[in-house]
Each structure stands twice: as C-alpha cells, then as structure tokens.
Amino acid sequence: MPAMREAPNARPEILGTCSADVVQRLIGRPRSKETGEQALRLSGAAQLRWIAPGDPVAMDYSTDRINLETDGRLIFRAYCG
C-alpha cells in the first residue's frame, strides 16, 4: 500500500485576498497601529485603508484591501474592497 503524504500546506491561503468576516471583532476598538496590523493579519489583505469622517474615498474595488471606517476614533465598520 503506498504511503499517504500530507499536503504541504493543510490550510490553503491566498495571500492578498481579503476576508472581512473575522475582522468584525475589531469593531468598537480604537484606531491604532496595532489594530491595523491585526486587521491585516486576520483578513489576509495586503493593504489597509483607514477611513475617517470627511475623508475622500476612491470608489475603486481592490480584492486585497481591508477598509476600516472610524468615527474619528473608534472602528464602526470593516469591509473588503
């Protein structure tokens, strides 16, 4: 019987592809460098965009970007694009 080999990467991840589901846990936290780094790590995104009230926002969609909307201090929305 041939030996079975495990896949080299049991958790396939596509770097730079954003998933905002798990980032929702950051809602209500203050804007900080650490929170931004955590959002990138959790989402798998390659880019982070902070959006504060009154910030101009380009409407381009980027599959590798996590957007964190704040009220100026706290995160109230997290989404990819």
Protein backbone atom coordinates (compact mmCIF):
# COMPACT_ATOMS: atom_id res chain seq x y z
CA MET A 1 0.00 0.00 0.00
CA PRO A 2 1.51 3.38 -0.98
CA ALA A 3 2.36 5.82 1.78
CA MET A 4 -0.02 8.77 2.12
CA ARG A 5 1.53 12.18 2.17
CA GLU A 6 0.01 15.22 3.75
CA ALA A 7 -0.41 18.30 1.65
CA PRO A 8 2.48 20.71 2.26
CA ASN A 9 0.02 23.38 3.38
CA ALA A 10 -3.03 21.99 5.12
CA ARG A 11 -4.59 25.47 5.31
CA PRO A 12 -4.51 26.91 1.81
CA GLU A 13 -4.31 30.67 1.91
CA ILE A 14 -4.19 33.09 -0.95
CA LEU A 15 -2.07 35.99 0.19
CA GLY A 16 -3.52 39.35 -0.62
CA THR A 17 -7.13 38.16 -0.81
CA CYS A 18 -9.27 39.91 1.76
CA SER A 19 -11.86 38.27 4.02
CA ALA A 20 -13.60 40.67 6.41
CA ASP A 21 -15.67 38.16 8.39
CA VAL A 22 -13.23 37.63 11.25
CA VAL A 23 -12.24 41.33 11.28
CA GLN A 24 -15.72 42.21 12.58
CA ARG A 25 -14.42 41.50 16.09
CA LEU A 26 -12.38 44.73 15.84
CA ILE A 27 -15.50 46.91 15.64
CA GLY A 28 -15.61 49.23 18.64
CA ARG A 29 -11.85 49.25 19.11
CA PRO A 30 -9.83 52.46 18.82
CA ARG A 31 -7.80 53.22 15.72
CA SER A 32 -4.19 52.26 16.31
CA LYS A 33 -1.18 50.83 14.55
CA GLU A 34 -1.65 47.54 16.43
CA THR A 35 -5.33 47.28 15.44
CA GLY A 36 -4.46 47.96 11.81
CA GLU A 37 -1.80 45.26 11.85
CA GLN A 38 -4.27 42.85 13.44
CA ALA A 39 -6.87 43.65 10.75
CA LEU A 40 -4.33 42.88 8.02
CA ARG A 41 -3.33 39.62 9.69
CA LEU A 42 -6.92 38.48 10.32
CA SER A 43 -8.25 39.45 6.89
CA GLY A 44 -5.33 38.19 4.82
CA ALA A 45 -5.34 41.51 2.96
CA ALA A 46 -2.18 43.13 1.66
CA GLN A 47 -3.44 46.71 2.09
CA LEU A 48 -5.18 48.63 4.85
CA ARG A 49 -7.25 51.77 4.35
CA TRP A 50 -8.43 53.81 7.32
CA ILE A 51 -11.50 55.92 6.55
CA ALA A 52 -12.49 58.75 8.90
CA PRO A 53 -15.45 61.13 8.61
CA GLY A 54 -14.97 63.51 5.70
CA ASP A 55 -12.13 61.53 4.10
CA PRO A 56 -12.33 61.38 0.32
CA VAL A 57 -12.54 57.73 -0.74
CA ALA A 58 -11.86 56.44 -4.23
CA MET A 59 -14.56 54.02 -5.35
CA ASP A 60 -12.12 51.51 -6.83
CA TYR A 61 -12.51 47.93 -5.63
CA SER A 62 -9.40 46.08 -4.53
CA THR A 63 -9.64 42.40 -3.54
CA ASP A 64 -6.52 42.73 -1.41
CA ARG A 65 -7.59 45.69 0.77
CA ILE A 66 -9.33 45.84 4.15
CA ASN A 67 -11.16 49.09 4.88
CA LEU A 68 -11.69 50.20 8.46
CA GLU A 69 -14.19 53.03 8.88
CA THR A 70 -13.96 55.09 12.04
CA ASP A 71 -15.94 57.82 13.70
CA GLY A 72 -12.61 59.58 14.07
CA ARG A 73 -11.56 57.38 16.97
CA LEU A 74 -13.39 54.02 17.05
CA ILE A 75 -13.89 51.48 14.26
CA PHE A 76 -17.54 51.08 13.31
CA ARG A 77 -17.28 49.19 10.00
CA ALA A 78 -14.83 46.71 8.44
CA TYR A 79 -15.11 45.54 4.84
CA CYS A 80 -13.01 44.48 1.88
CA GLY A 81 -12.68 46.39 -1.33
